Amino acid sequence: HPGGSLRLSCAASGIIFSITTMAWYRQAPGKQRELV
C-alpha cells in the first residue's frame, strides 16, 4: 500500500564485485527505463 516499505536484493556473479559500480533501475508502464 502507499506509504509502505520494501527491501529489494540483487545477487551478482561474474564480476569483481568489490570494485564495480552497481545500480538499481526501474521501468514503469509506458515509460523508459531509468536509473534509480
PDB file of all heavy atoms in Angstrom:
ATOM      1  N   HIS A   1       0.831  -1.198   0.000  1.00  0.00           N
ATOM      2  CA  HIS A   1       0.000   0.000   0.000  1.00  0.00           C
ATOM      3  C   HIS A   1       0.869   1.252   0.000  1.00  0.00           C
ATOM      4  O   HIS A   1       2.026   1.214   0.422  1.00  0.00           O
ATOM      5  CB  HIS A   1      -0.906   0.010   1.223  1.00  0.00           C
ATOM      6  CG  HIS A   1      -1.908  -1.101   1.253  1.00  0.00           C
ATOM      7  ND1 HIS A   1      -2.723  -1.386   0.190  1.00  0.00           N
ATOM      8  CD2 HIS A   1      -2.226  -1.983   2.228  1.00  0.00           C
ATOM      9  CE1 HIS A   1      -3.512  -2.400   0.504  1.00  0.00           C
ATOM     10  NE2 HIS A   1      -3.226  -2.776   1.734  1.00  0.00           N
ATOM     11  N   PRO A   2       0.334   2.373  -0.480  1.00  0.00           N
ATOM     12  CA  PRO A   2       1.084   3.629  -0.386  1.00  0.00           C
ATOM     13  C   PRO A   2       1.548   3.887   1.041  1.00  0.00           C
ATOM     14  O   PRO A   2       0.801   3.685   1.996  1.00  0.00           O
ATOM     15  CB  PRO A   2       0.076   4.679  -0.852  1.00  0.00           C
ATOM     16  CG  PRO A   2      -0.833   3.927  -1.773  1.00  0.00           C
ATOM     17  CD  PRO A   2      -0.958   2.551  -1.166  1.00  0.00           C
ATOM     18  N   GLY A   3       2.796   4.339   1.171  1.00  0.00           N
ATOM     19  CA  GLY A   3       3.386   4.562   2.473  1.00  0.00           C
ATOM     20  C   GLY A   3       4.130   3.367   3.027  1.00  0.00           C
ATOM     21  O   GLY A   3       4.832   3.496   4.036  1.00  0.00           O
ATOM     22  N   GLY A   4       4.009   2.227   2.375  1.00  0.00           N
ATOM     23  CA  GLY A   4       4.674   1.023   2.831  1.00  0.00           C
ATOM     24  C   GLY A   4       6.127   0.965   2.428  1.00  0.00           C
ATOM     25  O   GLY A   4       6.662   1.883   1.799  1.00  0.00           O
ATOM     26  N   SER A   5       6.768  -0.146   2.782  1.00  0.00           N
ATOM     27  CA  SER A   5       8.191  -0.333   2.527  1.00  0.00           C
ATOM     28  C   SER A   5       8.466  -1.696   1.923  1.00  0.00           C
ATOM     29  O   SER A   5       7.739  -2.660   2.166  1.00  0.00           O
ATOM     30  CB  SER A   5       8.997  -0.206   3.830  1.00  0.00           C
ATOM     31  OG  SER A   5       8.880   1.088   4.393  1.00  0.00           O
ATOM     32  N   LEU A   6       9.528  -1.755   1.146  1.00  0.00           N
ATOM     33  CA  LEU A   6      10.053  -2.999   0.609  1.00  0.00           C
ATOM     34  C   LEU A   6      11.567  -2.919   0.592  1.00  0.00           C
ATOM     35  O   LEU A   6      12.136  -1.823   0.494  1.00  0.00           O
ATOM     36  CB  LEU A   6       9.563  -3.258  -0.817  1.00  0.00           C
ATOM     37  CG  LEU A   6       8.131  -3.728  -1.031  1.00  0.00           C
ATOM     38  CD1 LEU A   6       7.810  -3.735  -2.523  1.00  0.00           C
ATOM     39  CD2 LEU A   6       7.924  -5.119  -0.447  1.00  0.00           C
ATOM     40  N   ARG A   7      12.204  -4.073   0.667  1.00  0.00           N
ATOM     41  CA  ARG A   7      13.648  -4.146   0.531  1.00  0.00           C
ATOM     42  C   ARG A   7      13.963  -5.111  -0.597  1.00  0.00           C
ATOM     43  O   ARG A   7      13.645  -6.299  -0.519  1.00  0.00           O
ATOM     44  CB  ARG A   7      14.320  -4.606   1.820  1.00  0.00           C
ATOM     45  CG  ARG A   7      15.851  -4.520   1.776  1.00  0.00           C
ATOM     46  CD  ARG A   7      16.473  -4.880   3.114  1.00  0.00           C
ATOM     47  NE  ARG A   7      17.922  -4.746   3.105  1.00  0.00           N
ATOM     48  CZ  ARG A   7      18.579  -3.641   3.427  1.00  0.00           C
ATOM     49  NH1 ARG A   7      17.909  -2.546   3.800  1.00  0.00           N
ATOM     50  NH2 ARG A   7      19.903  -3.614   3.386  1.00  0.00           N
ATOM     51  N   LEU A   8      14.596  -4.600  -1.639  1.00  0.00           N
ATOM     52  CA  LEU A   8      14.992  -5.400  -2.777  1.00  0.00           C
ATOM     53  C   LEU A   8      16.434  -5.846  -2.615  1.00  0.00           C
ATOM     54  O   LEU A   8      17.258  -5.128  -2.050  1.00  0.00           O
ATOM     55  CB  LEU A   8      14.854  -4.614  -4.082  1.00  0.00           C
ATOM     56  CG  LEU A   8      13.510  -3.938  -4.350  1.00  0.00           C
ATOM     57  CD1 LEU A   8      13.523  -3.277  -5.722  1.00  0.00           C
ATOM     58  CD2 LEU A   8      12.363  -4.936  -4.235  1.00  0.00           C
ATOM     59  N   SER A   9      16.732  -7.024  -3.130  1.00  0.00           N
ATOM     60  CA  SER A   9      18.087  -7.536  -3.070  1.00  0.00           C
ATOM     61  C   SER A   9      18.506  -8.041  -4.441  1.00  0.00           C
ATOM     62  O   SER A   9      17.704  -8.611  -5.174  1.00  0.00           O
ATOM     63  CB  SER A   9      18.203  -8.662  -2.038  1.00  0.00           C
ATOM     64  OG  SER A   9      19.546  -9.079  -1.883  1.00  0.00           O
ATOM     65  N   CYS A  10      19.756  -7.830  -4.773  1.00  0.00           N
ATOM     66  CA  CYS A  10      20.331  -8.272  -6.031  1.00  0.00           C
ATOM     67  C   CYS A  10      21.593  -9.057  -5.736  1.00  0.00           C
ATOM     68  O   CYS A  10      22.508  -8.543  -5.087  1.00  0.00           O
ATOM     69  CB  CYS A  10      20.645  -7.070  -6.919  1.00  0.00           C
ATOM     70  SG  CYS A  10      21.614  -7.447  -8.393  1.00  0.00           S
ATOM     71  N   ALA A  11      21.628 -10.286  -6.206  1.00  0.00           N
ATOM     72  CA  ALA A  11      22.812 -11.122  -6.086  1.00  0.00           C
ATOM     73  C   ALA A  11      23.529 -11.145  -7.426  1.00  0.00           C
ATOM     74  O   ALA A  11      22.923 -11.457  -8.451  1.00  0.00           O
ATOM     75  CB  ALA A  11      22.432 -12.533  -5.653  1.00  0.00           C
ATOM     76  N   ALA A  12      24.806 -10.818  -7.412  1.00  0.00           N
ATOM     77  CA  ALA A  12      25.575 -10.691  -8.639  1.00  0.00           C
ATOM     78  C   ALA A  12      26.687 -11.725  -8.694  1.00  0.00           C
ATOM     79  O   ALA A  12      27.225 -12.145  -7.667  1.00  0.00           O
ATOM     80  CB  ALA A  12      26.166  -9.289  -8.756  1.00  0.00           C
ATOM     81  N   SER A  13      27.036 -12.112  -9.906  1.00  0.00           N
ATOM     82  CA  SER A  13      28.151 -13.019 -10.125  1.00  0.00           C
ATOM     83  C   SER A  13      28.810 -12.681 -11.455  1.00  0.00           C
ATOM     84  O   SER A  13      28.231 -11.990 -12.290  1.00  0.00           O
ATOM     85  CB  SER A  13      27.696 -14.483 -10.114  1.00  0.00           C
ATOM     86  OG  SER A  13      26.785 -14.737 -11.173  1.00  0.00           O
ATOM     87  N   GLY A  14      30.020 -13.174 -11.638  1.00  0.00           N
ATOM     88  CA  GLY A  14      30.712 -12.959 -12.892  1.00  0.00           C
ATOM     89  C   GLY A  14      31.462 -11.646 -12.994  1.00  0.00           C
ATOM     90  O   GLY A  14      31.902 -11.274 -14.089  1.00  0.00           O
ATOM     91  N   ILE A  15      31.610 -10.936 -11.895  1.00  0.00           N
ATOM     92  CA  ILE A  15      32.305  -9.663 -11.870  1.00  0.00           C
ATOM     93  C   ILE A  15      33.207  -9.597 -10.645  1.00  0.00           C
ATOM     94  O   ILE A  15      33.053 -10.385  -9.713  1.00  0.00           O
ATOM     95  CB  ILE A  15      31.346  -8.462 -11.850  1.00  0.00           C
ATOM     96  CG1 ILE A  15      30.412  -8.561 -10.631  1.00  0.00           C
ATOM     97  CG2 ILE A  15      30.546  -8.365 -13.147  1.00  0.00           C
ATOM     98  CD1 ILE A  15      29.571  -7.333 -10.394  1.00  0.00           C
ATOM     99  N   ILE A  16      34.148  -8.670 -10.695  1.00  0.00           N
ATOM    100  CA  ILE A  16      34.901  -8.340  -9.489  1.00  0.00           C
ATOM    101  C   ILE A  16      34.027  -7.346  -8.737  1.00  0.00           C
ATOM    102  O   ILE A  16      34.126  -6.133  -8.908  1.00  0.00           O
ATOM    103  CB  ILE A  16      36.275  -7.761  -9.814  1.00  0.00           C
ATOM    104  CG1 ILE A  16      37.042  -8.692 -10.757  1.00  0.00           C
ATOM    105  CG2 ILE A  16      37.067  -7.518  -8.531  1.00  0.00           C
ATOM    106  CD1 ILE A  16      37.287 -10.076 -10.168  1.00  0.00           C
ATOM    107  N   PHE A  17      33.154  -7.874  -7.906  1.00  0.00           N
ATOM    108  CA  PHE A  17      32.075  -7.084  -7.342  1.00  0.00           C
ATOM    109  C   PHE A  17      32.572  -5.891  -6.543  1.00  0.00           C
ATOM    110  O   PHE A  17      31.992  -4.799  -6.609  1.00  0.00           O
ATOM    111  CB  PHE A  17      31.182  -7.976  -6.469  1.00  0.00           C
ATOM    112  CG  PHE A  17      29.978  -7.281  -5.922  1.00  0.00           C
ATOM    113  CD1 PHE A  17      28.825  -7.172  -6.677  1.00  0.00           C
ATOM    114  CD2 PHE A  17      29.994  -6.737  -4.648  1.00  0.00           C
ATOM    115  CE1 PHE A  17      27.707  -6.533  -6.173  1.00  0.00           C
ATOM    116  CE2 PHE A  17      28.882  -6.093  -4.131  1.00  0.00           C
ATOM    117  CZ  PHE A  17      27.729  -5.990  -4.901  1.00  0.00           C
ATOM    118  N   SER A  18      33.622  -6.091  -5.775  1.00  0.00           N
ATOM    119  CA  SER A  18      34.057  -5.060  -4.838  1.00  0.00           C
ATOM    120  C   SER A  18      34.524  -3.778  -5.509  1.00  0.00           C
ATOM    121  O   SER A  18      34.564  -2.731  -4.854  1.00  0.00           O
ATOM    122  CB  SER A  18      35.165  -5.595  -3.926  1.00  0.00           C
ATOM    123  OG  SER A  18      36.304  -5.959  -4.680  1.00  0.00           O
ATOM    124  N   ILE A  19      34.865  -3.816  -6.780  1.00  0.00           N
ATOM    125  CA  ILE A  19      35.334  -2.624  -7.484  1.00  0.00           C
ATOM    126  C   ILE A  19      34.399  -2.220  -8.619  1.00  0.00           C
ATOM    127  O   ILE A  19      34.771  -1.405  -9.470  1.00  0.00           O
ATOM    128  CB  ILE A  19      36.763  -2.803  -8.023  1.00  0.00           C
ATOM    129  CG1 ILE A  19      36.847  -3.952  -9.026  1.00  0.00           C
ATOM    130  CG2 ILE A  19      37.743  -3.019  -6.870  1.00  0.00           C
ATOM    131  CD1 ILE A  19      38.177  -4.023  -9.744  1.00  0.00           C
ATOM    132  N   THR A  20      33.204  -2.754  -8.627  1.00  0.00           N
ATOM    133  CA  THR A  20      32.244  -2.491  -9.688  1.00  0.00           C
ATOM    134  C   THR A  20      31.123  -1.593  -9.189  1.00  0.00           C
ATOM    135  O   THR A  20      30.530  -1.857  -8.139  1.00  0.00           O
ATOM    136  CB  THR A  20      31.650  -3.799 -10.225  1.00  0.00           C
ATOM    137  OG1 THR A  20      32.696  -4.636 -10.718  1.00  0.00           O
ATOM    138  CG2 THR A  20      30.655  -3.522 -11.346  1.00  0.00           C
ATOM    139  N   THR A  21      30.837  -0.542  -9.941  1.00  0.00           N
ATOM    140  CA  THR A  21      29.689   0.297  -9.621  1.00  0.00           C
ATOM    141  C   THR A  21      28.404  -0.450  -9.965  1.00  0.00           C
ATOM    142  O   THR A  21      28.234  -0.928 -11.084  1.00  0.00           O
ATOM    143  CB  THR A  21      29.742   1.619 -10.394  1.00  0.00           C
ATOM    144  OG1 THR A  21      30.913   2.344 -10.006  1.00  0.00           O
ATOM    145  CG2 THR A  21      28.513   2.468 -10.105  1.00  0.00           C
ATOM    146  N   MET A  22      27.520  -0.543  -9.004  1.00  0.00           N
ATOM    147  CA  MET A  22      26.246  -1.229  -9.191  1.00  0.00           C
ATOM    148  C   MET A  22      25.100  -0.242  -9.078  1.00  0.00           C
ATOM    149  O   MET A  22      25.219   0.805  -8.434  1.00  0.00           O
ATOM    150  CB  MET A  22      26.074  -2.339  -8.154  1.00  0.00           C
ATOM    151  CG  MET A  22      27.116  -3.443  -8.225  1.00  0.00           C
ATOM    152  SD  MET A  22      27.037  -4.379  -9.785  1.00  0.00           S
ATOM    153  CE  MET A  22      25.385  -5.089  -9.685  1.00  0.00           C
ATOM    154  N   ALA A  23      23.994  -0.593  -9.699  1.00  0.00           N
ATOM    155  CA  ALA A  23      22.855   0.314  -9.712  1.00  0.00           C
ATOM    156  C   ALA A  23      21.550  -0.450  -9.772  1.00  0.00           C
ATOM    157  O   ALA A  23      21.491  -1.588 -10.241  1.00  0.00           O
ATOM    158  CB  ALA A  23      22.946   1.274 -10.903  1.00  0.00           C
ATOM    159  N   TRP A  24      20.512   0.198  -9.291  1.00  0.00           N
ATOM    160  CA  TRP A  24      19.147  -0.260  -9.477  1.00  0.00           C
ATOM    161  C   TRP A  24      18.475   0.621 -10.520  1.00  0.00           C
ATOM    162  O   TRP A  24      18.629   1.849 -10.501  1.00  0.00           O
ATOM    163  CB  TRP A  24      18.353  -0.205  -8.167  1.00  0.00           C
ATOM    164  CG  TRP A  24      18.625  -1.348  -7.253  1.00  0.00           C
ATOM    165  CD1 TRP A  24      19.499  -1.388  -6.219  1.00  0.00           C
ATOM    166  CD2 TRP A  24      17.988  -2.632  -7.298  1.00  0.00           C
ATOM    167  NE1 TRP A  24      19.464  -2.615  -5.605  1.00  0.00           N
ATOM    168  CE2 TRP A  24      18.540  -3.401  -6.243  1.00  0.00           C
ATOM    169  CE3 TRP A  24      17.011  -3.206  -8.099  1.00  0.00           C
ATOM    170  CZ2 TRP A  24      18.146  -4.712  -5.989  1.00  0.00           C
ATOM    171  CZ3 TRP A  24      16.619  -4.511  -7.853  1.00  0.00           C
ATOM    172  CH2 TRP A  24      17.187  -5.246  -6.806  1.00  0.00           C
ATOM    173  N   TYR A  25      17.745  -0.026 -11.402  1.00  0.00           N
ATOM    174  CA  TYR A  25      16.980   0.639 -12.436  1.00  0.00           C
ATOM    175  C   TYR A  25      15.518   0.238 -12.300  1.00  0.00           C
ATOM    176  O   TYR A  25      15.192  -0.761 -11.657  1.00  0.00           O
ATOM    177  CB  TYR A  25      17.472   0.240 -13.830  1.00  0.00           C
ATOM    178  CG  TYR A  25      18.943   0.494 -14.094  1.00  0.00           C
ATOM    179  CD1 TYR A  25      19.914  -0.383 -13.613  1.00  0.00           C
ATOM    180  CD2 TYR A  25      19.351   1.590 -14.836  1.00  0.00           C
ATOM    181  CE1 TYR A  25      21.261  -0.168 -13.863  1.00  0.00           C
ATOM    182  CE2 TYR A  25      20.696   1.817 -15.098  1.00  0.00           C
ATOM    183  CZ  TYR A  25      21.644   0.932 -14.612  1.00  0.00           C
ATOM    184  OH  TYR A  25      22.979   1.155 -14.868  1.00  0.00           O
ATOM    185  N   ARG A  26      14.654   1.015 -12.921  1.00  0.00           N
ATOM    186  CA  ARG A  26      13.250   0.627 -12.959  1.00  0.00           C
ATOM    187  C   ARG A  26      12.623   1.071 -14.271  1.00  0.00           C
ATOM    188  O   ARG A  26      13.066   2.035 -14.897  1.00  0.00           O
ATOM    189  CB  ARG A  26      12.468   1.202 -11.778  1.00  0.00           C
ATOM    190  CG  ARG A  26      12.271   2.712 -11.809  1.00  0.00           C
ATOM    191  CD  ARG A  26      11.564   3.177 -10.548  1.00  0.00           C
ATOM    192  NE  ARG A  26      11.315   4.613 -10.548  1.00  0.00           N
ATOM    193  CZ  ARG A  26      10.841   5.289  -9.510  1.00  0.00           C
ATOM    194  NH1 ARG A  26      10.558   4.656  -8.372  1.00  0.00           N
ATOM    195  NH2 ARG A  26      10.644   6.602  -9.604  1.00  0.00           N
ATOM    196  N   GLN A  27      11.602   0.347 -14.654  1.00  0.00           N
ATOM    197  CA  GLN A  27      10.839   0.692 -15.838  1.00  0.00           C
ATOM    198  C   GLN A  27       9.360   0.595 -15.499  1.00  0.00           C
ATOM    199  O   GLN A  27       8.855  -0.494 -15.210  1.00  0.00           O
ATOM    200  CB  GLN A  27      11.178  -0.214 -17.017  1.00  0.00           C
ATOM    201  CG  GLN A  27      10.505   0.209 -18.312  1.00  0.00           C
ATOM    202  CD  GLN A  27      11.071  -0.485 -19.534  1.00  0.00           C
ATOM    203  OE1 GLN A  27      11.621  -1.580 -19.438  1.00  0.00           O
ATOM    204  NE2 GLN A  27      10.942   0.149 -20.682  1.00  0.00           N
ATOM    205  N   ALA A  28       8.699   1.727 -15.516  1.00  0.00           N
ATOM    206  CA  ALA A  28       7.278   1.796 -15.240  1.00  0.00           C
ATOM    207  C   ALA A  28       6.497   1.600 -16.529  1.00  0.00           C
ATOM    208  O   ALA A  28       7.023   1.805 -17.627  1.00  0.00           O
ATOM    209  CB  ALA A  28       6.925   3.136 -14.603  1.00  0.00           C
ATOM    210  N   PRO A  29       5.225   1.226 -16.418  1.00  0.00           N
ATOM    211  CA  PRO A  29       4.413   1.039 -17.621  1.00  0.00           C
ATOM    212  C   PRO A  29       4.404   2.281 -18.500  1.00  0.00           C
ATOM    213  O   PRO A  29       4.139   3.386 -18.026  1.00  0.00           O
ATOM    214  CB  PRO A  29       3.022   0.738 -17.064  1.00  0.00           C
ATOM    215  CG  PRO A  29       3.282   0.154 -15.707  1.00  0.00           C
ATOM    216  CD  PRO A  29       4.479   0.898 -15.193  1.00  0.00           C
ATOM    217  N   GLY A  30       4.715   2.102 -19.778  1.00  0.00           N
ATOM    218  CA  GLY A  30       4.685   3.197 -20.721  1.00  0.00           C
ATOM    219  C   GLY A  30       5.836   4.176 -20.629  1.00  0.00           C
ATOM    220  O   GLY A  30       5.803   5.214 -21.299  1.00  0.00           O
ATOM    221  N   LYS A  31       6.836   3.875 -19.829  1.00  0.00           N
ATOM    222  CA  LYS A  31       7.954   4.780 -19.647  1.00  0.00           C
ATOM    223  C   LYS A  31       9.281   4.098 -19.958  1.00  0.00           C
ATOM    224  O   LYS A  31       9.373   2.872 -20.006  1.00  0.00           O
ATOM    225  CB  LYS A  31       7.979   5.323 -18.211  1.00  0.00           C
ATOM    226  CG  LYS A  31       6.777   6.172 -17.846  1.00  0.00           C
ATOM    227  CD  LYS A  31       6.919   6.768 -16.460  1.00  0.00           C
ATOM    228  CE  LYS A  31       5.746   7.658 -16.125  1.00  0.00           C
ATOM    229  NZ  LYS A  31       5.887   8.257 -14.773  1.00  0.00           N
ATOM    230  N   GLN A  32      10.306   4.917 -20.154  1.00  0.00           N
ATOM    231  CA  GLN A  32      11.647   4.406 -20.388  1.00  0.00           C
ATOM    232  C   GLN A  32      12.268   3.909 -19.084  1.00  0.00           C
ATOM    233  O   GLN A  32      11.910   4.362 -17.993  1.00  0.00           O
ATOM    234  CB  GLN A  32      12.533   5.491 -20.990  1.00  0.00           C
ATOM    235  CG  GLN A  32      12.071   6.001 -22.349  1.00  0.00           C
ATOM    236  CD  GLN A  32      12.211   4.950 -23.416  1.00  0.00           C
ATOM    237  OE1 GLN A  32      13.214   4.241 -23.492  1.00  0.00           O
ATOM    238  NE2 GLN A  32      11.196   4.844 -24.262  1.00  0.00           N
ATOM    239  N   ARG A  33      13.200   2.988 -19.218  1.00  0.00           N
ATOM    240  CA  ARG A  33      13.941   2.545 -18.056  1.00  0.00           C
ATOM    241  C   ARG A  33      14.786   3.699 -17.525  1.00  0.00           C
ATOM    242  O   ARG A  33      15.387   4.459 -18.285  1.00  0.00           O
ATOM    243  CB  ARG A  33      14.834   1.353 -18.422  1.00  0.00           C
ATOM    244  CG  ARG A  33      15.665   0.826 -17.267  1.00  0.00           C
ATOM    245  CD  ARG A  33      16.492  -0.383 -17.688  1.00  0.00           C
ATOM    246  NE  ARG A  33      15.664  -1.572 -17.840  1.00  0.00           N
ATOM    247  CZ  ARG A  33      15.410  -2.171 -18.997  1.00  0.00           C
ATOM    248  NH1 ARG A  33      15.930  -1.699 -20.125  1.00  0.00           N
ATOM    249  NH2 ARG A  33      14.646  -3.254 -19.023  1.00  0.00           N
ATOM    250  N   GLU A  34      14.819   3.853 -16.218  1.00  0.00           N
ATOM    251  CA  GLU A  34      15.576   4.919 -15.606  1.00  0.00           C
ATOM    252  C   GLU A  34      16.451   4.384 -14.483  1.00  0.00           C
ATOM    253  O   GLU A  34      16.131   3.371 -13.851  1.00  0.00           O
ATOM    254  CB  GLU A  34      14.650   6.008 -15.050  1.00  0.00           C
ATOM    255  CG  GLU A  34      13.759   5.538 -13.912  1.00  0.00           C
ATOM    256  CD  GLU A  34      12.961   6.660 -13.273  1.00  0.00           C
ATOM    257  OE1 GLU A  34      13.373   7.834 -13.378  1.00  0.00           O
ATOM    258  OE2 GLU A  34      11.911   6.355 -12.658  1.00  0.00           O
ATOM    259  N   LEU A  35      17.537   5.078 -14.245  1.00  0.00           N
ATOM    260  CA  LEU A  35      18.406   4.732 -13.133  1.00  0.00           C
ATOM    261  C   LEU A  35      17.820   5.319 -11.859  1.00  0.00           C
ATOM    262  O   LEU A  35      17.533   6.514 -11.789  1.00  0.00           O
ATOM    263  CB  LEU A  35      19.820   5.255 -13.370  1.00  0.00           C
ATOM    264  CG  LEU A  35      20.890   4.786 -12.379  1.00  0.00           C
ATOM    265  CD1 LEU A  35      22.235   4.666 -13.079  1.00  0.00           C
ATOM    266  CD2 LEU A  35      21.009   5.740 -11.201  1.00  0.00           C
ATOM    267  N   VAL A  36      17.650   4.479 -10.853  1.00  0.00           N
ATOM    268  CA  VAL A  36      17.063   4.889  -9.588  1.00  0.00           C
ATOM    269  C   VAL A  36      18.132   5.250  -8.569  1.00  0.00           C
ATOM    270  O   VAL A  36      18.035   6.276  -7.887  1.00  0.00           O
ATOM    271  CB  VAL A  36      16.156   3.781  -9.025  1.00  0.00           C
ATOM    272  CG1 VAL A  36      15.603   4.170  -7.653  1.00  0.00           C
ATOM    273  CG2 VAL A  36      15.011   3.495  -9.995  1.00  0.00           C
TER     274      VAL A  36
END
